[in-house]
N, C-alpha and C. Protein backbone atom coordinates (compact mmCIF):
# COMPACT_ATOMS: atom_id res chain seq x y z
N UNK A 1 -36.31 18.97 -73.01
CA UNK A 1 -35.19 17.72 -72.24
C UNK A 1 -35.12 17.29 -71.03
N UNK A 2 -33.93 16.98 -71.59
CA UNK A 2 -34.44 15.96 -69.72
C UNK A 2 -33.42 16.56 -68.56
N UNK A 3 -34.21 16.44 -67.09
CA UNK A 3 -33.21 17.67 -66.21
C UNK A 3 -31.64 16.99 -66.08
N UNK A 4 -31.19 17.65 -65.06
CA UNK A 4 -29.77 17.71 -65.91
C UNK A 4 -29.32 16.11 -63.64
N UNK A 5 -29.13 15.49 -63.46
CA UNK A 5 -28.82 15.29 -61.96
C UNK A 5 -27.62 16.57 -61.44
N UNK A 6 -27.67 16.53 -60.57
CA UNK A 6 -27.16 16.56 -59.49
C UNK A 6 -26.85 15.82 -58.80
N UNK A 7 -25.78 15.99 -57.53
CA UNK A 7 -25.50 15.54 -56.29
C UNK A 7 -26.78 16.39 -54.84
N UNK A 8 -27.18 16.06 -55.09
CA UNK A 8 -28.75 16.06 -53.96
C UNK A 8 -27.69 17.67 -52.67
N UNK A 9 -28.15 19.39 -53.22
CA UNK A 9 -27.87 19.78 -51.94
C UNK A 9 -29.52 20.61 -51.69
N UNK A 10 -29.09 20.75 -50.77
CA UNK A 10 -29.69 21.98 -49.39
C UNK A 10 -30.65 22.90 -50.55
N UNK A 11 -32.32 24.10 -50.71
CA UNK A 11 -32.36 24.89 -51.52
C UNK A 11 -31.65 25.84 -51.54
N UNK A 12 -31.52 27.24 -52.41
CA UNK A 12 -30.92 28.13 -51.75
C UNK A 12 -31.72 29.01 -51.37
N UNK A 13 -31.04 29.98 -51.03
CA UNK A 13 -32.45 31.36 -50.35
C UNK A 13 -33.64 31.16 -51.76
N UNK A 14 -33.11 32.22 -52.29
CA UNK A 14 -33.86 32.43 -53.77
C UNK A 14 -35.03 30.92 -54.09
N UNK A 15 -34.70 29.43 -53.77
CA UNK A 15 -35.95 28.93 -53.54
C UNK A 15 -36.53 28.69 -53.21
N UNK A 16 -35.60 28.80 -51.77
CA UNK A 16 -36.97 28.43 -50.93
C UNK A 16 -37.65 30.19 -50.49
N UNK A 17 -37.09 31.29 -50.67
CA UNK A 17 -38.06 32.31 -50.10
C UNK A 17 -39.00 32.55 -51.08
N UNK A 18 -38.68 31.76 -52.39
CA UNK A 18 -39.93 31.31 -53.51
C UNK A 18 -41.23 30.69 -53.55
N UNK A 19 -40.21 29.29 -53.14
CA UNK A 19 -41.72 28.63 -52.28
C UNK A 19 -42.49 28.25 -51.61
N UNK A 20 -40.87 29.12 -50.13
CA UNK A 20 -41.95 29.33 -49.09
C UNK A 20 -43.39 30.72 -49.28
N UNK A 21 -43.08 31.99 -50.38
CA UNK A 21 -43.33 33.16 -50.43
C UNK A 21 -45.41 31.61 -51.64
N UNK A 22 -45.21 31.09 -52.56
CA UNK A 22 -45.93 30.11 -53.05
C UNK A 22 -47.10 29.52 -52.40
N UNK A 23 -46.46 28.42 -51.87
CA UNK A 23 -46.78 27.93 -49.95
C UNK A 23 -47.43 28.62 -49.09
N UNK A 24 -47.61 30.33 -48.82
CA UNK A 24 -47.70 30.43 -48.05
C UNK A 24 -49.62 30.83 -48.43
N UNK A 25 -49.88 30.80 -49.52
CA UNK A 25 -51.28 30.69 -50.12
C UNK A 25 -51.96 29.76 -48.55
N UNK A 26 -52.61 29.58 -48.88
CA UNK A 26 -53.78 28.66 -48.65
C UNK A 26 -55.21 27.33 -49.33
N UNK A 27 -54.60 26.86 -49.41
CA UNK A 27 -55.40 25.37 -50.37
C UNK A 27 -55.19 24.06 -49.39
N UNK A 28 -56.13 22.79 -50.11
CA UNK A 28 -55.72 22.17 -48.63
C UNK A 28 -53.87 21.78 -48.49
N UNK A 29 -53.60 20.75 -48.20
CA UNK A 29 -52.22 19.77 -48.38
C UNK A 29 -51.32 21.65 -47.86
N UNK A 30 -51.35 22.45 -48.22
CA UNK A 30 -50.01 23.46 -48.39
C UNK A 30 -49.47 22.99 -46.81
N UNK A 31 -49.83 23.14 -45.74
CA UNK A 31 -49.57 23.03 -45.00
C UNK A 31 -48.63 21.96 -44.38
N UNK A 32 -48.56 20.78 -44.71
CA UNK A 32 -47.97 19.77 -44.87
C UNK A 32 -46.80 19.90 -46.50
N UNK A 33 -47.08 21.00 -47.65
CA UNK A 33 -45.68 20.74 -48.22
C UNK A 33 -44.99 22.11 -47.28
N UNK A 34 -45.39 22.90 -46.78
CA UNK A 34 -44.39 23.71 -46.22
C UNK A 34 -43.87 23.24 -45.24
N UNK A 35 -43.86 21.89 -44.28
CA UNK A 35 -43.13 21.54 -43.41
C UNK A 35 -42.76 20.80 -43.91
N UNK A 36 -42.24 19.92 -45.22
CA UNK A 36 -41.68 19.71 -45.59
C UNK A 36 -40.18 20.36 -45.85
N UNK A 37 -40.35 21.38 -46.37
CA UNK A 37 -39.34 22.99 -46.64
C UNK A 37 -37.05 21.92 -45.84
N UNK A 38 -37.59 21.76 -44.67
CA UNK A 38 -37.01 22.12 -44.36
C UNK A 38 -35.60 20.28 -44.30
N UNK A 39 -36.59 19.75 -44.85
CA UNK A 39 -36.12 18.26 -45.85
C UNK A 39 -35.94 17.69 -47.40
N UNK A 40 -36.34 19.83 -47.35
CA UNK A 40 -36.07 19.55 -49.81
C UNK A 40 -34.81 19.35 -49.32
N UNK A 41 -34.81 18.94 -50.86
CA UNK A 41 -33.41 18.37 -51.62
C UNK A 41 -33.71 18.96 -53.31
N UNK A 42 -32.55 19.60 -53.92
CA UNK A 42 -32.32 20.15 -55.21
C UNK A 42 -31.70 18.81 -55.89
N UNK A 43 -31.99 18.24 -56.60
CA UNK A 43 -31.33 16.87 -57.17
C UNK A 43 -31.87 16.74 -58.45
N UNK A 44 -31.57 17.65 -59.76
CA UNK A 44 -31.46 17.64 -60.69
C UNK A 44 -31.71 19.35 -61.35
N UNK A 45 -31.29 20.10 -62.29
CA UNK A 45 -31.10 21.10 -62.16
C UNK A 45 -32.54 21.04 -64.21
N UNK A 46 -32.66 21.60 -64.29
CA UNK A 46 -33.68 21.24 -65.92
C UNK A 46 -33.57 22.00 -67.25
N UNK A 47 -32.11 22.16 -67.12
CA UNK A 47 -30.76 22.52 -68.30
C UNK A 47 -29.67 23.32 -67.77
N UNK A 48 -28.90 24.15 -68.51
CA UNK A 48 -27.73 24.29 -68.03
C UNK A 48 -28.17 26.04 -67.97
N UNK A 49 -27.90 26.49 -66.71
CA UNK A 49 -28.80 27.86 -66.47
C UNK A 49 -30.13 27.39 -66.72
N UNK A 50 -30.92 26.73 -66.70
CA UNK A 50 -32.17 26.55 -65.88
C UNK A 50 -31.85 27.27 -64.33
N UNK A 51 -33.59 27.86 -63.80
CA UNK A 51 -33.46 28.67 -62.48
C UNK A 51 -34.87 26.38 -61.92
N UNK A 52 -35.21 26.57 -62.88
CA UNK A 52 -36.13 25.44 -62.39
C UNK A 52 -35.50 24.43 -62.47
N UNK A 53 -35.93 23.71 -61.19
CA UNK A 53 -35.44 21.71 -60.30
C UNK A 53 -35.90 21.27 -59.85
N UNK A 54 -35.55 20.37 -59.89
CA UNK A 54 -35.81 19.09 -59.25
C UNK A 54 -36.23 19.23 -58.08
N UNK A 55 -37.33 18.24 -56.79
CA UNK A 55 -36.84 18.19 -55.57
C UNK A 55 -37.32 16.74 -54.90
N UNK A 56 -36.40 16.87 -53.89
CA UNK A 56 -36.95 15.51 -53.54
C UNK A 56 -37.14 15.79 -52.48
N UNK A 57 -38.23 14.93 -50.79
CA UNK A 57 -38.07 15.32 -50.40
C UNK A 57 -37.62 14.22 -49.57
N UNK A 58 -37.04 14.62 -48.04
CA UNK A 58 -36.06 13.28 -47.41
C UNK A 58 -37.68 12.90 -46.20
N UNK A 59 -37.51 11.80 -46.11
CA UNK A 59 -38.19 11.39 -45.40
C UNK A 59 -37.56 11.33 -43.61
N UNK A 60 -37.78 10.99 -42.40
CA UNK A 60 -39.78 11.62 -41.91
C UNK A 60 -40.64 12.80 -42.83
N UNK A 61 -41.91 12.99 -43.41
CA UNK A 61 -42.56 13.41 -43.90
C UNK A 61 -43.26 13.41 -43.45
N UNK A 62 -44.10 15.27 -43.30
CA UNK A 62 -45.95 15.00 -43.69
C UNK A 62 -45.94 15.30 -44.68
N UNK A 63 -46.62 13.69 -45.36
CA UNK A 63 -47.06 13.70 -46.83
C UNK A 63 -48.95 14.54 -46.92
N UNK A 64 -49.14 15.70 -47.91
CA UNK A 64 -49.75 16.05 -48.37
C UNK A 64 -50.89 15.78 -49.07
N UNK A 65 -52.07 16.20 -49.70
CA UNK A 65 -53.15 14.81 -50.35
C UNK A 65 -53.94 15.30 -51.60
N UNK A 66 -53.30 16.89 -51.60
CA UNK A 66 -53.59 17.17 -52.80
C UNK A 66 -53.94 16.57 -54.20
N UNK A 67 -55.53 16.66 -54.90
CA UNK A 67 -56.04 16.29 -55.84
C UNK A 67 -55.04 15.56 -57.26
N UNK A 68 -54.27 16.78 -56.88
CA UNK A 68 -53.54 16.56 -58.67
C UNK A 68 -51.76 16.95 -58.76
N UNK A 69 -51.08 16.85 -58.87
CA UNK A 69 -49.33 17.17 -59.01
C UNK A 69 -48.94 18.54 -59.00
N UNK A 70 -50.25 19.84 -59.90
CA UNK A 70 -49.63 20.98 -59.29
C UNK A 70 -50.66 21.47 -58.53
N UNK A 71 -49.13 22.21 -57.05
CA UNK A 71 -50.09 22.81 -56.65
C UNK A 71 -50.94 23.87 -56.87
N UNK A 72 -51.95 24.17 -56.88
CA UNK A 72 -53.53 24.69 -56.65
C UNK A 72 -52.86 26.87 -56.89
N UNK A 73 -52.33 26.79 -56.69
CA UNK A 73 -51.64 28.23 -56.98
C UNK A 73 -51.90 29.10 -58.11
N UNK A 74 -52.79 30.34 -58.41
CA UNK A 74 -51.55 31.30 -59.10
C UNK A 74 -50.63 32.00 -58.78
N UNK A 75 -49.24 31.89 -59.88
CA UNK A 75 -48.13 32.59 -58.19
C UNK A 75 -47.68 33.21 -59.78
N UNK A 76 -48.21 34.19 -60.34
CA UNK A 76 -47.91 35.10 -62.10
C UNK A 76 -46.32 36.11 -61.47
N UNK A 77 -46.11 35.88 -62.32
CA UNK A 77 -44.69 36.99 -62.05
C UNK A 77 -44.16 38.50 -63.58
N UNK A 78 -44.29 39.10 -62.34
CA UNK A 78 -44.63 40.60 -63.00
C UNK A 78 -43.60 41.32 -63.05
N UNK A 79 -42.67 42.21 -64.34
CA UNK A 79 -41.64 42.87 -64.09
C UNK A 79 -42.05 44.72 -63.80
N UNK A 80 -41.11 45.68 -63.54
CA UNK A 80 -41.57 46.38 -62.72
C UNK A 80 -42.53 47.49 -62.90
N UNK A 81 -42.56 47.72 -64.38
CA UNK A 81 -43.41 48.06 -65.29
C UNK A 81 -45.08 47.26 -64.88
N UNK A 82 -45.55 46.01 -63.91
CA UNK A 82 -46.64 45.60 -63.97
C UNK A 82 -46.64 44.53 -65.47
N UNK A 83 -46.16 43.93 -66.16
CA UNK A 83 -46.06 43.36 -67.80
C UNK A 83 -46.10 42.06 -66.96
N UNK A 84 -47.05 41.66 -67.50
CA UNK A 84 -46.81 39.99 -67.32
C UNK A 84 -45.99 39.48 -67.87
N UNK A 85 -44.29 38.29 -67.54
CA UNK A 85 -42.92 38.09 -67.36
C UNK A 85 -43.35 36.18 -67.85
N UNK A 86 -44.20 35.73 -66.77
CA UNK A 86 -44.28 34.17 -66.59
C UNK A 86 -44.39 34.05 -64.89
N UNK A 87 -44.91 32.64 -65.06
CA UNK A 87 -45.27 31.91 -63.67
C UNK A 87 -44.02 30.91 -62.51
N UNK A 88 -45.19 30.99 -61.25
CA UNK A 88 -44.04 30.52 -60.78
C UNK A 88 -44.86 28.88 -60.67
N UNK A 89 -44.31 27.40 -60.40
CA UNK A 89 -45.55 26.87 -60.90
C UNK A 89 -44.75 25.85 -59.33
N UNK A 90 -45.38 25.29 -58.76
CA UNK A 90 -44.86 23.94 -57.96
C UNK A 90 -45.52 22.95 -58.00
N UNK A 91 -44.77 21.66 -58.31
CA UNK A 91 -45.30 20.63 -58.70
C UNK A 91 -44.77 19.26 -57.78
N UNK A 92 -45.73 18.82 -57.52
CA UNK A 92 -46.01 17.32 -56.23
C UNK A 92 -45.56 15.72 -56.74
N UNK A 93 -45.49 15.02 -56.27
CA UNK A 93 -45.11 14.00 -56.66
C UNK A 93 -46.18 13.41 -55.89
N UNK A 94 -47.19 12.61 -57.17
CA UNK A 94 -48.69 12.43 -56.90
C UNK A 94 -49.55 13.43 -55.43
N UNK A 95 -48.91 14.17 -55.89
CA UNK A 95 -49.22 15.05 -54.85
C UNK A 95 -49.06 15.20 -53.15
N UNK A 96 -47.97 14.66 -53.32
CA UNK A 96 -48.05 14.41 -51.57
C UNK A 96 -46.53 15.48 -50.84
N UNK A 97 -46.18 14.82 -51.69
CA UNK A 97 -44.10 15.93 -52.17
C UNK A 97 -44.20 17.05 -52.12
N UNK A 98 -42.98 17.99 -52.71
CA UNK A 98 -42.83 18.42 -52.80
C UNK A 98 -41.70 18.24 -54.11
N UNK A 99 -42.17 17.97 -56.00
CA UNK A 99 -41.25 17.36 -56.71
C UNK A 99 -40.28 18.17 -57.49
N UNK A 100 -41.23 19.43 -58.28
CA UNK A 100 -39.76 20.47 -58.71
C UNK A 100 -40.40 21.63 -58.01
N UNK A 101 -39.82 22.59 -58.41
CA UNK A 101 -40.27 24.16 -59.02
C UNK A 101 -39.30 24.83 -60.49
N UNK A 102 -40.44 25.80 -60.54
CA UNK A 102 -40.15 25.37 -62.37
C UNK A 102 -40.98 27.52 -62.38
N UNK A 103 -40.21 27.91 -63.45
CA UNK A 103 -39.56 29.36 -63.13
C UNK A 103 -40.59 29.03 -65.46
N UNK A 104 -41.50 29.37 -65.17
CA UNK A 104 -42.34 29.21 -67.05
C UNK A 104 -42.44 30.86 -67.22
N UNK A 105 -41.61 30.59 -67.64
CA UNK A 105 -41.55 32.50 -68.43
C UNK A 105 -42.36 32.35 -70.25
N UNK A 106 -42.21 33.68 -70.81
CA UNK A 106 -42.89 34.06 -71.31
C UNK A 106 -42.10 35.25 -71.98
N UNK A 107 -40.70 35.22 -72.29
CA UNK A 107 -39.61 35.86 -72.56
C UNK A 107 -39.35 35.99 -73.58
N UNK A 108 -38.62 36.10 -74.01
CA UNK A 108 -37.77 35.69 -75.55
C UNK A 108 -36.50 34.60 -75.45
N UNK A 109 -36.29 35.49 -73.84
CA UNK A 109 -35.11 35.31 -72.77
C UNK A 109 -35.46 34.33 -71.30
N UNK A 110 -34.22 33.45 -71.70
CA UNK A 110 -35.17 32.49 -70.00
C UNK A 110 -33.90 33.55 -69.16
N UNK A 111 -35.57 32.73 -68.36
CA UNK A 111 -34.48 33.24 -67.03
C UNK A 111 -32.71 33.32 -66.21
N UNK A 112 -32.46 33.80 -65.65
CA UNK A 112 -31.01 33.19 -64.48
C UNK A 112 -31.00 33.13 -63.03
N UNK A 113 -31.88 33.75 -62.96
CA UNK A 113 -32.70 33.46 -61.46
C UNK A 113 -33.93 34.37 -61.57
N UNK A 114 -34.49 33.23 -60.22
CA UNK A 114 -36.02 33.58 -59.18
C UNK A 114 -35.80 35.66 -59.49
N UNK A 115 -37.32 35.07 -59.34
CA UNK A 115 -37.98 36.75 -59.04
C UNK A 115 -37.74 37.00 -57.85
N UNK A 116 -37.54 37.74 -57.64
CA UNK A 116 -37.59 38.73 -55.94
C UNK A 116 -39.42 38.90 -55.70
N UNK A 117 -39.72 38.70 -54.09
CA UNK A 117 -40.66 39.05 -53.91
C UNK A 117 -40.49 40.60 -53.20
N UNK A 118 -41.37 41.64 -54.29
CA UNK A 118 -41.84 42.73 -53.63
C UNK A 118 -43.20 43.18 -53.27
N UNK A 119 -43.30 44.21 -52.13
CA UNK A 119 -44.18 43.65 -51.56
C UNK A 119 -45.05 43.15 -51.49
N UNK A 120 -45.12 41.32 -51.90
CA UNK A 120 -45.57 39.91 -51.01
C UNK A 120 -46.63 40.59 -52.92
N UNK A 121 -45.62 40.37 -53.80
CA UNK A 121 -45.62 40.36 -55.67
C UNK A 121 -43.92 39.71 -55.98
N UNK A 122 -44.42 38.20 -56.51
CA UNK A 122 -43.37 37.83 -57.28
C UNK A 122 -42.71 39.22 -59.04
N UNK A 123 -41.55 39.17 -58.26
CA UNK A 123 -41.05 40.24 -59.47
C UNK A 123 -40.25 39.58 -60.08
N UNK A 124 -40.26 40.30 -61.55
CA UNK A 124 -38.51 40.62 -62.32
C UNK A 124 -38.08 41.93 -62.58
N UNK A 125 -37.22 41.43 -62.40
CA UNK A 125 -35.63 43.07 -63.20
C UNK A 125 -36.81 42.55 -64.63
N UNK A 126 -36.63 44.31 -65.07
CA UNK A 126 -36.66 44.02 -66.34
C UNK A 126 -36.19 44.95 -67.10
């Protein structure tokens, strides 16, 4: 399914919190991606009720130099019992700017909200 374009809007509080959490990991280019958050807009959703979104960073911004399009972070999401329910993926545009925030779930039902950060971990309600 192709993403559904929307009028550009700022990151909401949940999107920003999850991105800040994932980008708090130290890897080459992380500081540049973190510096882009104030200039990042949501430009598309991945489907009706999807929490996965396409992003666009307004210029001018500091560009990262990641070797791949996917930020190299293991951002696993667990429910309160500790069961793995998915992961958060942060995609970039050619390793340079933030391009997408994806909640890749492994449950039967598509999540209707992003996970919360609980005790330094991404947590999904049971």
